[in-house]
């Protein structure tokens, strides 16, 4: 099993949800976050044609899901295709191994708990 965490633009959430549902990935959640990555803030117009870069944190959305190993590539590809705008700040995807999953209600473990 793998845990996939994707930091995406908030305005792309609906497209990402639809893409995940289309491939059969139904278990995920979102968290609104702020942060700063390679984008290093946004360019702000200050008047009279001048611009400056604001180093403030930007709003992003963190999507988290845990899937079976054989679903990893299709989930990652669905996120990439639906979240990509082609501009700086589209986000990042982190994939890590999951040692154990337990469903609290039933006690099911690992893939049965997904």
C-alpha atoms as a PDB file:
ATOM      1  CA  UNK A   1       0.000   0.000   0.000  1.00  0.00           C
ATOM      2  CA  UNK A   2       1.111   3.556  -0.682  1.00  0.00           C
ATOM      3  CA  UNK A   3       0.153   6.935   0.669  1.00  0.00           C
ATOM      4  CA  UNK A   4      -0.154   9.651  -1.941  1.00  0.00           C
ATOM      5  CA  UNK A   5      -0.068  13.266  -0.813  1.00  0.00           C
ATOM      6  CA  UNK A   6      -0.595  15.925  -3.466  1.00  0.00           C
ATOM      7  CA  UNK A   7      -0.329  19.653  -2.954  1.00  0.00           C
ATOM      8  CA  UNK A   8      -2.466  21.290  -5.645  1.00  0.00           C
ATOM      9  CA  UNK A   9      -4.065  24.600  -6.546  1.00  0.00           C
ATOM     10  CA  UNK A  10      -7.399  25.048  -4.707  1.00  0.00           C
ATOM     11  CA  UNK A  11      -9.170  25.936  -7.951  1.00  0.00           C
ATOM     12  CA  UNK A  12      -8.251  22.512  -9.410  1.00  0.00           C
ATOM     13  CA  UNK A  13      -9.873  20.438  -6.643  1.00  0.00           C
ATOM     14  CA  UNK A  14     -13.080  19.671  -8.591  1.00  0.00           C
ATOM     15  CA  UNK A  15     -11.121  18.427 -11.624  1.00  0.00           C
ATOM     16  CA  UNK A  16      -8.897  16.248  -9.429  1.00  0.00           C
ATOM     17  CA  UNK A  17     -11.893  14.763  -7.577  1.00  0.00           C
ATOM     18  CA  UNK A  18     -13.595  13.926 -10.867  1.00  0.00           C
ATOM     19  CA  UNK A  19     -10.414  12.332 -12.262  1.00  0.00           C
ATOM     20  CA  UNK A  20      -9.957  10.177  -9.139  1.00  0.00           C
ATOM     21  CA  UNK A  21     -13.591   9.064  -9.166  1.00  0.00           C
ATOM     22  CA  UNK A  22     -13.320   8.231 -12.877  1.00  0.00           C
ATOM     23  CA  UNK A  23     -10.505   5.724 -12.156  1.00  0.00           C
ATOM     24  CA  UNK A  24     -12.277   4.230  -9.136  1.00  0.00           C
ATOM     25  CA  UNK A  25     -10.344   5.939  -6.332  1.00  0.00           C
ATOM     26  CA  UNK A  26     -13.049   6.983  -3.884  1.00  0.00           C
ATOM     27  CA  UNK A  27     -11.231   7.214  -0.553  1.00  0.00           C
ATOM     28  CA  UNK A  28      -9.394  10.499  -0.101  1.00  0.00           C
ATOM     29  CA  UNK A  29      -9.572  13.716   1.857  1.00  0.00           C
ATOM     30  CA  UNK A  30      -8.531  17.334   1.439  1.00  0.00           C
ATOM     31  CA  UNK A  31      -7.040  19.900   3.767  1.00  0.00           C
ATOM     32  CA  UNK A  32      -6.685  23.604   2.957  1.00  0.00           C
ATOM     33  CA  UNK A  33      -3.107  24.659   3.660  1.00  0.00           C
ATOM     34  CA  UNK A  34      -0.837  27.629   3.076  1.00  0.00           C
ATOM     35  CA  UNK A  35       2.816  27.485   2.285  1.00  0.00           C
ATOM     36  CA  UNK A  36       5.667  28.453   0.063  1.00  0.00           C
ATOM     37  CA  UNK A  37       7.539  26.293  -2.379  1.00  0.00           C
ATOM     38  CA  UNK A  38       9.688  26.919  -5.426  1.00  0.00           C
ATOM     39  CA  UNK A  39       7.185  29.558  -6.571  1.00  0.00           C
ATOM     40  CA  UNK A  40       8.413  31.857  -3.758  1.00  0.00           C
ATOM     41  CA  UNK A  41       5.260  33.980  -3.540  1.00  0.00           C
ATOM     42  CA  UNK A  42       3.365  35.949  -6.163  1.00  0.00           C
ATOM     43  CA  UNK A  43       4.082  39.018  -8.282  1.00  0.00           C
ATOM     44  CA  UNK A  44       2.044  42.017  -7.118  1.00  0.00           C
ATOM     45  CA  UNK A  45       1.418  45.222  -9.089  1.00  0.00           C
ATOM     46  CA  UNK A  46       2.162  48.216  -6.866  1.00  0.00           C
ATOM     47  CA  UNK A  47       0.960  50.986  -9.202  1.00  0.00           C
ATOM     48  CA  UNK A  48       2.480  53.102 -11.962  1.00  0.00           C
ATOM     49  CA  UNK A  49       3.587  49.937 -13.725  1.00  0.00           C
ATOM     50  CA  UNK A  50       5.875  48.769 -10.908  1.00  0.00           C
ATOM     51  CA  UNK A  51       5.778  45.230  -9.563  1.00  0.00           C
ATOM     52  CA  UNK A  52       7.139  43.510  -6.514  1.00  0.00           C
ATOM     53  CA  UNK A  53       7.186  39.910  -5.334  1.00  0.00           C
ATOM     54  CA  UNK A  54       5.151  39.160  -2.231  1.00  0.00           C
ATOM     55  CA  UNK A  55       6.849  36.420  -0.198  1.00  0.00           C
ATOM     56  CA  UNK A  56       3.654  35.574   1.651  1.00  0.00           C
ATOM     57  CA  UNK A  57       2.401  32.022   1.848  1.00  0.00           C
ATOM     58  CA  UNK A  58       0.019  30.924  -0.878  1.00  0.00           C
ATOM     59  CA  UNK A  59      -3.215  28.978  -0.425  1.00  0.00           C
ATOM     60  CA  UNK A  60      -2.985  25.366  -1.605  1.00  0.00           C
ATOM     61  CA  UNK A  61      -4.970  22.179  -1.060  1.00  0.00           C
ATOM     62  CA  UNK A  62      -3.444  18.976   0.285  1.00  0.00           C
ATOM     63  CA  UNK A  63      -5.047  15.782  -1.037  1.00  0.00           C
ATOM     64  CA  UNK A  64      -4.273  12.568   0.853  1.00  0.00           C
ATOM     65  CA  UNK A  65      -5.166   9.014  -0.151  1.00  0.00           C
ATOM     66  CA  UNK A  66      -3.910   5.489   0.567  1.00  0.00           C
ATOM     67  CA  UNK A  67      -4.233   2.972  -2.265  1.00  0.00           C
ATOM     68  CA  UNK A  68      -3.102  -0.522  -3.204  1.00  0.00           C
ATOM     69  CA  UNK A  69       0.292  -0.725  -4.907  1.00  0.00           C
ATOM     70  CA  UNK A  70      -1.242  -1.586  -8.272  1.00  0.00           C
ATOM     71  CA  UNK A  71      -3.338   1.626  -8.230  1.00  0.00           C
ATOM     72  CA  UNK A  72      -0.397   3.955  -7.541  1.00  0.00           C
ATOM     73  CA  UNK A  73       0.518   4.812 -11.131  1.00  0.00           C
ATOM     74  CA  UNK A  74      -3.051   5.448 -12.273  1.00  0.00           C
ATOM     75  CA  UNK A  75      -3.807   7.666  -9.253  1.00  0.00           C
ATOM     76  CA  UNK A  76      -0.608   9.682  -9.702  1.00  0.00           C
ATOM     77  CA  UNK A  77      -1.266  10.102 -13.431  1.00  0.00           C
ATOM     78  CA  UNK A  78      -4.883  11.167 -12.795  1.00  0.00           C
ATOM     79  CA  UNK A  79      -3.715  13.821 -10.331  1.00  0.00           C
ATOM     80  CA  UNK A  80      -1.032  15.115 -12.694  1.00  0.00           C
ATOM     81  CA  UNK A  81      -3.348  15.364 -15.683  1.00  0.00           C
ATOM     82  CA  UNK A  82      -6.203  17.020 -13.782  1.00  0.00           C
ATOM     83  CA  UNK A  83      -4.131  19.400 -11.634  1.00  0.00           C
ATOM     84  CA  UNK A  84      -1.714  20.638 -14.289  1.00  0.00           C
ATOM     85  CA  UNK A  85      -2.220  24.184 -15.548  1.00  0.00           C
ATOM     86  CA  UNK A  86       1.262  24.493 -17.000  1.00  0.00           C
ATOM     87  CA  UNK A  87       2.236  27.347 -14.701  1.00  0.00           C
ATOM     88  CA  UNK A  88       4.589  27.587 -11.748  1.00  0.00           C
ATOM     89  CA  UNK A  89       2.774  26.575  -8.574  1.00  0.00           C
ATOM     90  CA  UNK A  90       0.820  23.588  -9.926  1.00  0.00           C
ATOM     91  CA  UNK A  91       2.015  21.555  -6.931  1.00  0.00           C
ATOM     92  CA  UNK A  92       3.893  18.434  -5.906  1.00  0.00           C
ATOM     93  CA  UNK A  93       3.041  14.775  -5.322  1.00  0.00           C
ATOM     94  CA  UNK A  94       4.675  12.720  -2.582  1.00  0.00           C
ATOM     95  CA  UNK A  95       4.427   8.908  -2.553  1.00  0.00           C
ATOM     96  CA  UNK A  96       5.406   6.861   0.502  1.00  0.00           C
ATOM     97  CA  UNK A  97       4.989   3.295   1.734  1.00  0.00           C
ATOM     98  CA  UNK A  98       2.330   2.428   4.297  1.00  0.00           C
ATOM     99  CA  UNK A  99       3.140  -0.358   6.739  1.00  0.00           C
ATOM    100  CA  UNK A 100      -0.333  -0.981   8.121  1.00  0.00           C
ATOM    101  CA  UNK A 101      -3.909   0.299   7.862  1.00  0.00           C
ATOM    102  CA  UNK A 102      -6.623  -0.477  10.421  1.00  0.00           C
ATOM    103  CA  UNK A 103     -10.313   0.371  10.069  1.00  0.00           C
ATOM    104  CA  UNK A 104     -11.448   1.524  13.508  1.00  0.00           C
ATOM    105  CA  UNK A 105     -15.100   0.449  13.170  1.00  0.00           C
ATOM    106  CA  UNK A 106     -14.475  -3.194  12.185  1.00  0.00           C
ATOM    107  CA  UNK A 107     -10.845  -3.874  13.010  1.00  0.00           C
ATOM    108  CA  UNK A 108     -10.161  -4.789   9.355  1.00  0.00           C
ATOM    109  CA  UNK A 109      -6.485  -4.544   8.502  1.00  0.00           C
ATOM    110  CA  UNK A 110      -4.396  -3.547   5.524  1.00  0.00           C
ATOM    111  CA  UNK A 111      -6.048  -3.895   2.089  1.00  0.00           C
ATOM    112  CA  UNK A 112      -9.326  -5.063   3.697  1.00  0.00           C
ATOM    113  CA  UNK A 113      -9.393  -1.737   5.554  1.00  0.00           C
ATOM    114  CA  UNK A 114      -9.095   0.316   2.387  1.00  0.00           C
END
